[in-house]
Amino acid sequence: MTFYQWIYKTFKPIVAALYRIESEGVENIPEGGCILASNHTGFADVLVISAASNRQVRYMAKKELFRIPLLAPLIRALGAYPVDRGGGDVGSIKKTIALVEEGELVGIFPQGHRHSGVDPRGTEIKHGVGMVAYHTKACVLPVFIDNKKMHTAMFRKNHVTFGKPIPFEDLAFVSGGRTEYMNASRIIFDRVCAIKYGESALPAPEHEGETA
């Protein structure tokens, strides 16, 4: 049993109880390399998705966390890897691409940052998830976290739905580039939001995001 498997087996019931996690569509989680894309409603989304999933989910974590002596070994063991949120971190993007190509399930939040208490369809979308999809040619698993007031919190029901994987061919790539990355990101996030709101195009944002 790996350290992650021990942690998962030990703490999943605790996390599931504290966050009152309900999961749906777990059978949609594919084997092999895949990108998991979810809405982002709170700091604990990583915990909630990981507890709801039947596979380990790898995530970026801000580099400052890896400078804390007692915390760094734990979050590394859990599968996190550092990212510099202060600017474009080419290394973390390359790491993400490599993990997917190695067969890992890697979580990305297309919104980039937490957006609590708002309709996700009106939030800014970043192009990073589209860029990773283009370079890995992997499918994308849309996930929606539904909770009261769109804010992930303890002692509040958090319903996690895993949608049908989006094939790479559905992302309308031709030759890559920033415009196609953004278009793919919007297709992906549209599928994420469709889990809750039904099939409908996302409204055009006032400003398009530049980073993952």
C-alpha atoms as a PDB file:
ATOM      1  CA  MET A   1       0.000   0.000   0.000  1.00  0.00           C
ATOM      2  CA  THR A   2       1.418   3.399  -0.998  1.00  0.00           C
ATOM      3  CA  PHE A   3       1.437   6.373   1.370  1.00  0.00           C
ATOM      4  CA  TYR A   4      -1.323   8.005  -0.677  1.00  0.00           C
ATOM      5  CA  GLN A   5      -3.458   4.863  -0.517  1.00  0.00           C
ATOM      6  CA  TRP A   6      -3.015   4.773   3.265  1.00  0.00           C
ATOM      7  CA  ILE A   7      -3.942   8.449   3.582  1.00  0.00           C
ATOM      8  CA  TYR A   8      -6.922   7.975   1.276  1.00  0.00           C
ATOM      9  CA  LYS A   9      -8.222   4.933   3.126  1.00  0.00           C
ATOM     10  CA  THR A  10      -7.708   6.559   6.528  1.00  0.00           C
ATOM     11  CA  PHE A  11      -8.998  10.053   5.919  1.00  0.00           C
ATOM     12  CA  LYS A  12     -11.579   9.667   3.140  1.00  0.00           C
ATOM     13  CA  PRO A  13     -14.388   8.768   5.599  1.00  0.00           C
ATOM     14  CA  ILE A  14     -13.458  11.752   7.776  1.00  0.00           C
ATOM     15  CA  VAL A  15     -13.340  14.229   4.879  1.00  0.00           C
ATOM     16  CA  ALA A  16     -16.534  12.779   3.392  1.00  0.00           C
ATOM     17  CA  ALA A  17     -18.332  13.220   6.716  1.00  0.00           C
ATOM     18  CA  LEU A  18     -17.019  16.714   7.448  1.00  0.00           C
ATOM     19  CA  TYR A  19     -17.903  17.981   3.985  1.00  0.00           C
ATOM     20  CA  ARG A  20     -21.031  15.829   3.620  1.00  0.00           C
ATOM     21  CA  ILE A  21     -19.806  14.651   0.224  1.00  0.00           C
ATOM     22  CA  GLU A  22     -22.199  13.078  -2.230  1.00  0.00           C
ATOM     23  CA  SER A  23     -20.668  11.732  -5.442  1.00  0.00           C
ATOM     24  CA  GLU A  24     -22.245  10.887  -8.773  1.00  0.00           C
ATOM     25  CA  GLY A  25     -20.810   9.550 -12.031  1.00  0.00           C
ATOM     26  CA  VAL A  26     -17.674   8.040 -10.494  1.00  0.00           C
ATOM     27  CA  GLU A  27     -17.917   5.339 -13.149  1.00  0.00           C
ATOM     28  CA  ASN A  28     -17.115   8.055 -15.733  1.00  0.00           C
ATOM     29  CA  ILE A  29     -13.560   8.462 -14.419  1.00  0.00           C
ATOM     30  CA  PRO A  30     -11.365   6.896 -17.116  1.00  0.00           C
ATOM     31  CA  GLU A  31      -8.173   4.949 -16.728  1.00  0.00           C
ATOM     32  CA  GLY A  32      -4.933   6.367 -18.061  1.00  0.00           C
ATOM     33  CA  GLY A  33      -3.849   9.948 -18.590  1.00  0.00           C
ATOM     34  CA  CYS A  34      -6.689  12.428 -18.246  1.00  0.00           C
ATOM     35  CA  ILE A  35      -7.309  16.067 -17.322  1.00  0.00           C
ATOM     36  CA  LEU A  36      -9.928  16.696 -14.640  1.00  0.00           C
ATOM     37  CA  ALA A  37     -11.573  20.125 -15.005  1.00  0.00           C
ATOM     38  CA  SER A  38     -13.844  21.510 -12.295  1.00  0.00           C
ATOM     39  CA  ASN A  39     -15.474  24.700 -11.116  1.00  0.00           C
ATOM     40  CA  HIS A  40     -13.716  26.264  -8.114  1.00  0.00           C
ATOM     41  CA  THR A  41     -15.853  27.332  -5.159  1.00  0.00           C
ATOM     42  CA  GLY A  42     -13.558  27.080  -2.159  1.00  0.00           C
ATOM     43  CA  PHE A  43     -10.138  26.250  -0.718  1.00  0.00           C
ATOM     44  CA  ALA A  44     -11.228  22.692   0.110  1.00  0.00           C
ATOM     45  CA  ASP A  45     -12.260  21.758  -3.448  1.00  0.00           C
ATOM     46  CA  VAL A  46      -9.115  19.656  -3.843  1.00  0.00           C
ATOM     47  CA  LEU A  47     -10.004  17.635  -0.743  1.00  0.00           C
ATOM     48  CA  VAL A  48     -13.631  17.236  -1.787  1.00  0.00           C
ATOM     49  CA  ILE A  49     -12.841  16.077  -5.324  1.00  0.00           C
ATOM     50  CA  SER A  50     -10.086  13.754  -4.134  1.00  0.00           C
ATOM     51  CA  ALA A  51     -12.388  12.146  -1.557  1.00  0.00           C
ATOM     52  CA  ALA A  52     -15.138  11.717  -4.161  1.00  0.00           C
ATOM     53  CA  SER A  53     -12.806  10.228  -6.794  1.00  0.00           C
ATOM     54  CA  ASN A  54     -11.757   6.592  -7.059  1.00  0.00           C
ATOM     55  CA  ARG A  55      -8.350   7.647  -8.431  1.00  0.00           C
ATOM     56  CA  GLN A  56      -5.603   9.848  -7.066  1.00  0.00           C
ATOM     57  CA  VAL A  57      -5.896  13.355  -8.465  1.00  0.00           C
ATOM     58  CA  ARG A  58      -2.687  15.368  -8.944  1.00  0.00           C
ATOM     59  CA  TYR A  59      -2.839  19.149  -8.461  1.00  0.00           C
ATOM     60  CA  MET A  60      -0.669  22.227  -8.657  1.00  0.00           C
ATOM     61  CA  ALA A  61      -0.147  23.969  -5.315  1.00  0.00           C
ATOM     62  CA  LYS A  62       1.354  27.411  -4.774  1.00  0.00           C
ATOM     63  CA  LYS A  63       5.090  27.207  -4.272  1.00  0.00           C
ATOM     64  CA  GLU A  64       4.977  28.941  -0.892  1.00  0.00           C
ATOM     65  CA  LEU A  65       3.399  25.829   0.658  1.00  0.00           C
ATOM     66  CA  PHE A  66       6.482  23.797  -0.224  1.00  0.00           C
ATOM     67  CA  ARG A  67       8.632  26.088   1.948  1.00  0.00           C
ATOM     68  CA  ILE A  68       6.850  24.952   5.127  1.00  0.00           C
ATOM     69  CA  PRO A  69       9.028  22.145   6.567  1.00  0.00           C
ATOM     70  CA  LEU A  70       6.256  20.023   8.081  1.00  0.00           C
ATOM     71  CA  LEU A  71       3.756  20.579   5.295  1.00  0.00           C
ATOM     72  CA  ALA A  72       5.941  20.167   2.211  1.00  0.00           C
ATOM     73  CA  PRO A  73       6.634  16.398   2.572  1.00  0.00           C
ATOM     74  CA  LEU A  74       2.937  15.706   3.186  1.00  0.00           C
ATOM     75  CA  ILE A  75       1.545  17.590   0.204  1.00  0.00           C
ATOM     76  CA  ARG A  76       4.246  16.127  -2.050  1.00  0.00           C
ATOM     77  CA  ALA A  77       3.291  12.639  -0.876  1.00  0.00           C
ATOM     78  CA  LEU A  78      -0.341  13.434  -1.636  1.00  0.00           C
ATOM     79  CA  GLY A  79       0.610  14.254  -5.227  1.00  0.00           C
ATOM     80  CA  ALA A  80       0.816  18.045  -5.233  1.00  0.00           C
ATOM     81  CA  TYR A  81       3.522  19.883  -7.165  1.00  0.00           C
ATOM     82  CA  PRO A  82       4.542  23.561  -7.000  1.00  0.00           C
ATOM     83  CA  VAL A  83       3.447  26.413  -9.226  1.00  0.00           C
ATOM     84  CA  ASP A  84       4.452  30.079  -9.209  1.00  0.00           C
ATOM     85  CA  ARG A  85       1.142  31.949  -9.224  1.00  0.00           C
ATOM     86  CA  GLY A  86       2.926  35.278  -9.539  1.00  0.00           C
ATOM     87  CA  GLY A  87       3.579  34.784 -13.235  1.00  0.00           C
ATOM     88  CA  GLY A  88       3.718  32.320 -16.080  1.00  0.00           C
ATOM     89  CA  ASP A  89       5.346  29.172 -14.695  1.00  0.00           C
ATOM     90  CA  VAL A  90       6.526  27.206 -17.702  1.00  0.00           C
ATOM     91  CA  GLY A  91       7.992  24.487 -15.506  1.00  0.00           C
ATOM     92  CA  SER A  92       4.687  23.676 -13.811  1.00  0.00           C
ATOM     93  CA  ILE A  93       2.881  23.540 -17.158  1.00  0.00           C
ATOM     94  CA  LYS A  94       5.525  21.134 -18.495  1.00  0.00           C
ATOM     95  CA  LYS A  95       5.151  19.070 -15.321  1.00  0.00           C
ATOM     96  CA  THR A  96       1.378  18.948 -15.804  1.00  0.00           C
ATOM     97  CA  ILE A  97       1.736  17.814 -19.404  1.00  0.00           C
ATOM     98  CA  ALA A  98       4.296  15.163 -18.393  1.00  0.00           C
ATOM     99  CA  LEU A  99       2.046  13.776 -15.652  1.00  0.00           C
ATOM    100  CA  VAL A 100      -0.901  13.386 -18.024  1.00  0.00           C
ATOM    101  CA  GLU A 101       1.356  11.721 -20.593  1.00  0.00           C
ATOM    102  CA  GLU A 102       2.562   9.351 -17.861  1.00  0.00           C
ATOM    103  CA  GLY A 103      -1.016   8.228 -17.231  1.00  0.00           C
ATOM    104  CA  GLU A 104      -1.954  10.410 -14.254  1.00  0.00           C
ATOM    105  CA  LEU A 105      -5.296  12.095 -13.538  1.00  0.00           C
ATOM    106  CA  VAL A 106      -4.418  15.785 -13.196  1.00  0.00           C
ATOM    107  CA  GLY A 107      -6.851  18.356 -11.828  1.00  0.00           C
ATOM    108  CA  ILE A 108      -7.073  21.867 -13.286  1.00  0.00           C
ATOM    109  CA  PHE A 109      -9.511  24.643 -12.411  1.00  0.00           C
ATOM    110  CA  PRO A 110     -10.298  26.522 -15.665  1.00  0.00           C
ATOM    111  CA  GLN A 111     -11.323  29.577 -13.623  1.00  0.00           C
ATOM    112  CA  GLY A 112      -7.799  29.732 -12.211  1.00  0.00           C
ATOM    113  CA  HIS A 113      -8.875  31.047  -8.832  1.00  0.00           C
ATOM    114  CA  ARG A 114     -11.684  30.462  -6.344  1.00  0.00           C
ATOM    115  CA  HIS A 115     -15.011  32.127  -7.137  1.00  0.00           C
ATOM    116  CA  SER A 116     -17.271  31.649  -4.140  1.00  0.00           C
ATOM    117  CA  GLY A 117     -20.884  32.716  -4.061  1.00  0.00           C
ATOM    118  CA  VAL A 118     -21.241  33.475  -7.774  1.00  0.00           C
ATOM    119  CA  ASP A 119     -22.672  31.778 -10.849  1.00  0.00           C
ATOM    120  CA  PRO A 120     -19.603  30.133 -12.448  1.00  0.00           C
ATOM    121  CA  ARG A 121     -20.939  30.826 -15.945  1.00  0.00           C
ATOM    122  CA  GLY A 122     -20.126  34.503 -15.508  1.00  0.00           C
ATOM    123  CA  THR A 123     -16.554  34.087 -14.279  1.00  0.00           C
ATOM    124  CA  GLU A 124     -13.324  34.568 -16.206  1.00  0.00           C
ATOM    125  CA  ILE A 125     -11.807  31.481 -17.814  1.00  0.00           C
ATOM    126  CA  LYS A 126      -8.081  30.891 -18.247  1.00  0.00           C
ATOM    127  CA  HIS A 127      -6.504  29.252 -21.294  1.00  0.00           C
ATOM    128  CA  GLY A 128      -4.238  26.826 -19.416  1.00  0.00           C
ATOM    129  CA  VAL A 129      -6.524  23.788 -19.463  1.00  0.00           C
ATOM    130  CA  GLY A 130      -6.907  24.133 -23.234  1.00  0.00           C
ATOM    131  CA  MET A 131      -3.148  24.382 -23.663  1.00  0.00           C
ATOM    132  CA  VAL A 132      -2.556  21.214 -21.617  1.00  0.00           C
ATOM    133  CA  ALA A 133      -5.267  19.398 -23.568  1.00  0.00           C
ATOM    134  CA  TYR A 134      -3.680  20.390 -26.876  1.00  0.00           C
ATOM    135  CA  HIS A 135      -0.199  19.184 -25.939  1.00  0.00           C
ATOM    136  CA  THR A 136      -1.315  15.912 -24.324  1.00  0.00           C
ATOM    137  CA  LYS A 137      -4.150  15.011 -26.717  1.00  0.00           C
ATOM    138  CA  ALA A 138      -5.868  13.598 -23.608  1.00  0.00           C
ATOM    139  CA  CYS A 139      -9.557  13.476 -22.832  1.00  0.00           C
ATOM    140  CA  VAL A 140     -10.959  15.920 -20.290  1.00  0.00           C
ATOM    141  CA  LEU A 141     -13.206  14.858 -17.406  1.00  0.00           C
ATOM    142  CA  PRO A 142     -15.702  17.636 -16.517  1.00  0.00           C
ATOM    143  CA  VAL A 143     -16.599  17.840 -12.818  1.00  0.00           C
ATOM    144  CA  PHE A 144     -19.065  20.082 -11.037  1.00  0.00           C
ATOM    145  CA  ILE A 145     -19.069  20.826  -7.310  1.00  0.00           C
ATOM    146  CA  ASP A 146     -22.558  21.897  -6.256  1.00  0.00           C
ATOM    147  CA  ASN A 147     -23.167  23.350  -2.820  1.00  0.00           C
ATOM    148  CA  LYS A 148     -25.104  26.025  -0.939  1.00  0.00           C
ATOM    149  CA  LYS A 149     -24.292  29.539  -2.162  1.00  0.00           C
ATOM    150  CA  MET A 150     -21.584  28.039  -4.399  1.00  0.00           C
ATOM    151  CA  HIS A 151     -19.102  27.837  -1.544  1.00  0.00           C
ATOM    152  CA  THR A 152     -17.348  24.672  -0.410  1.00  0.00           C
ATOM    153  CA  ALA A 153     -17.430  24.422   3.374  1.00  0.00           C
ATOM    154  CA  MET A 154     -17.538  21.872   6.166  1.00  0.00           C
ATOM    155  CA  PHE A 155     -20.872  20.653   7.525  1.00  0.00           C
ATOM    156  CA  ARG A 156     -22.525  21.684   4.263  1.00  0.00           C
ATOM    157  CA  LYS A 157     -23.582  19.221   1.552  1.00  0.00           C
ATOM    158  CA  ASN A 158     -21.116  19.153  -1.321  1.00  0.00           C
ATOM    159  CA  HIS A 159     -22.381  17.213  -4.321  1.00  0.00           C
ATOM    160  CA  VAL A 160     -19.618  16.202  -6.756  1.00  0.00           C
ATOM    161  CA  THR A 161     -20.683  15.064 -10.222  1.00  0.00           C
ATOM    162  CA  PHE A 162     -18.230  13.494 -12.662  1.00  0.00           C
ATOM    163  CA  GLY A 163     -19.498  14.016 -16.200  1.00  0.00           C
ATOM    164  CA  LYS A 164     -18.752  12.084 -19.367  1.00  0.00           C
ATOM    165  CA  PRO A 165     -15.147  12.515 -20.591  1.00  0.00           C
ATOM    166  CA  ILE A 166     -14.717  15.017 -23.415  1.00  0.00           C
ATOM    167  CA  PRO A 167     -12.752  13.467 -26.312  1.00  0.00           C
ATOM    168  CA  PHE A 168      -9.804  15.470 -27.612  1.00  0.00           C
ATOM    169  CA  GLU A 169     -11.538  15.627 -31.011  1.00  0.00           C
ATOM    170  CA  ASP A 170     -14.389  17.684 -29.491  1.00  0.00           C
ATOM    171  CA  LEU A 171     -12.061  20.567 -28.612  1.00  0.00           C
ATOM    172  CA  ALA A 172     -11.854  21.910 -32.187  1.00  0.00           C
ATOM    173  CA  PHE A 173      -8.071  22.199 -32.403  1.00  0.00           C
ATOM    174  CA  VAL A 174      -6.451  22.837 -35.768  1.00  0.00           C
ATOM    175  CA  SER A 175      -2.909  24.070 -35.173  1.00  0.00           C
ATOM    176  CA  GLY A 176      -2.848  25.207 -31.556  1.00  0.00           C
ATOM    177  CA  GLY A 177      -2.045  28.709 -30.327  1.00  0.00           C
ATOM    178  CA  ARG A 178      -3.519  30.982 -27.663  1.00  0.00           C
ATOM    179  CA  THR A 179      -6.834  31.563 -29.442  1.00  0.00           C
ATOM    180  CA  GLU A 180      -7.477  27.841 -29.862  1.00  0.00           C
ATOM    181  CA  TYR A 181      -6.385  27.165 -26.259  1.00  0.00           C
ATOM    182  CA  MET A 182      -8.928  29.686 -25.009  1.00  0.00           C
ATOM    183  CA  ASN A 183     -11.654  28.319 -27.260  1.00  0.00           C
ATOM    184  CA  ALA A 184     -10.971  24.791 -25.984  1.00  0.00           C
ATOM    185  CA  SER A 185     -11.001  26.025 -22.381  1.00  0.00           C
ATOM    186  CA  ARG A 186     -14.413  27.555 -22.945  1.00  0.00           C
ATOM    187  CA  ILE A 187     -15.723  24.332 -24.521  1.00  0.00           C
ATOM    188  CA  ILE A 188     -14.438  22.439 -21.488  1.00  0.00           C
ATOM    189  CA  PHE A 189     -15.906  24.827 -18.938  1.00  0.00           C
ATOM    190  CA  ASP A 190     -19.188  24.886 -20.816  1.00  0.00           C
ATOM    191  CA  ARG A 191     -19.367  21.105 -20.313  1.00  0.00           C
ATOM    192  CA  VAL A 192     -18.516  21.580 -16.622  1.00  0.00           C
ATOM    193  CA  CYS A 193     -21.337  24.084 -16.157  1.00  0.00           C
ATOM    194  CA  ALA A 194     -23.743  22.012 -18.254  1.00  0.00           C
ATOM    195  CA  ILE A 195     -23.645  19.349 -15.538  1.00  0.00           C
ATOM    196  CA  LYS A 196     -25.676  21.682 -13.324  1.00  0.00           C
ATOM    197  CA  TYR A 197     -27.288  24.187 -15.668  1.00  0.00           C
ATOM    198  CA  GLY A 198     -27.910  22.124 -18.785  1.00  0.00           C
ATOM    199  CA  GLU A 199     -26.569  22.635 -22.290  1.00  0.00           C
ATOM    200  CA  SER A 200     -26.095  26.329 -22.932  1.00  0.00           C
ATOM    201  CA  ALA A 201     -23.271  28.484 -24.230  1.00  0.00           C
ATOM    202  CA  LEU A 202     -21.295  30.453 -21.679  1.00  0.00           C
ATOM    203  CA  PRO A 203     -21.614  34.224 -21.964  1.00  0.00           C
ATOM    204  CA  ALA A 204     -18.573  35.898 -23.524  1.00  0.00           C
ATOM    205  CA  PRO A 205     -16.296  37.244 -20.756  1.00  0.00           C
ATOM    206  CA  GLU A 206     -15.217  40.885 -20.678  1.00  0.00           C
ATOM    207  CA  HIS A 207     -11.579  39.811 -20.368  1.00  0.00           C
ATOM    208  CA  GLU A 208     -10.014  36.552 -21.416  1.00  0.00           C
ATOM    209  CA  GLY A 209      -7.505  35.010 -19.009  1.00  0.00           C
ATOM    210  CA  GLU A 210      -3.879  34.520 -19.916  1.00  0.00           C
ATOM    211  CA  THR A 211      -2.689  31.868 -17.460  1.00  0.00           C
ATOM    212  CA  ALA A 212      -3.713  28.472 -16.155  1.00  0.00           C
END
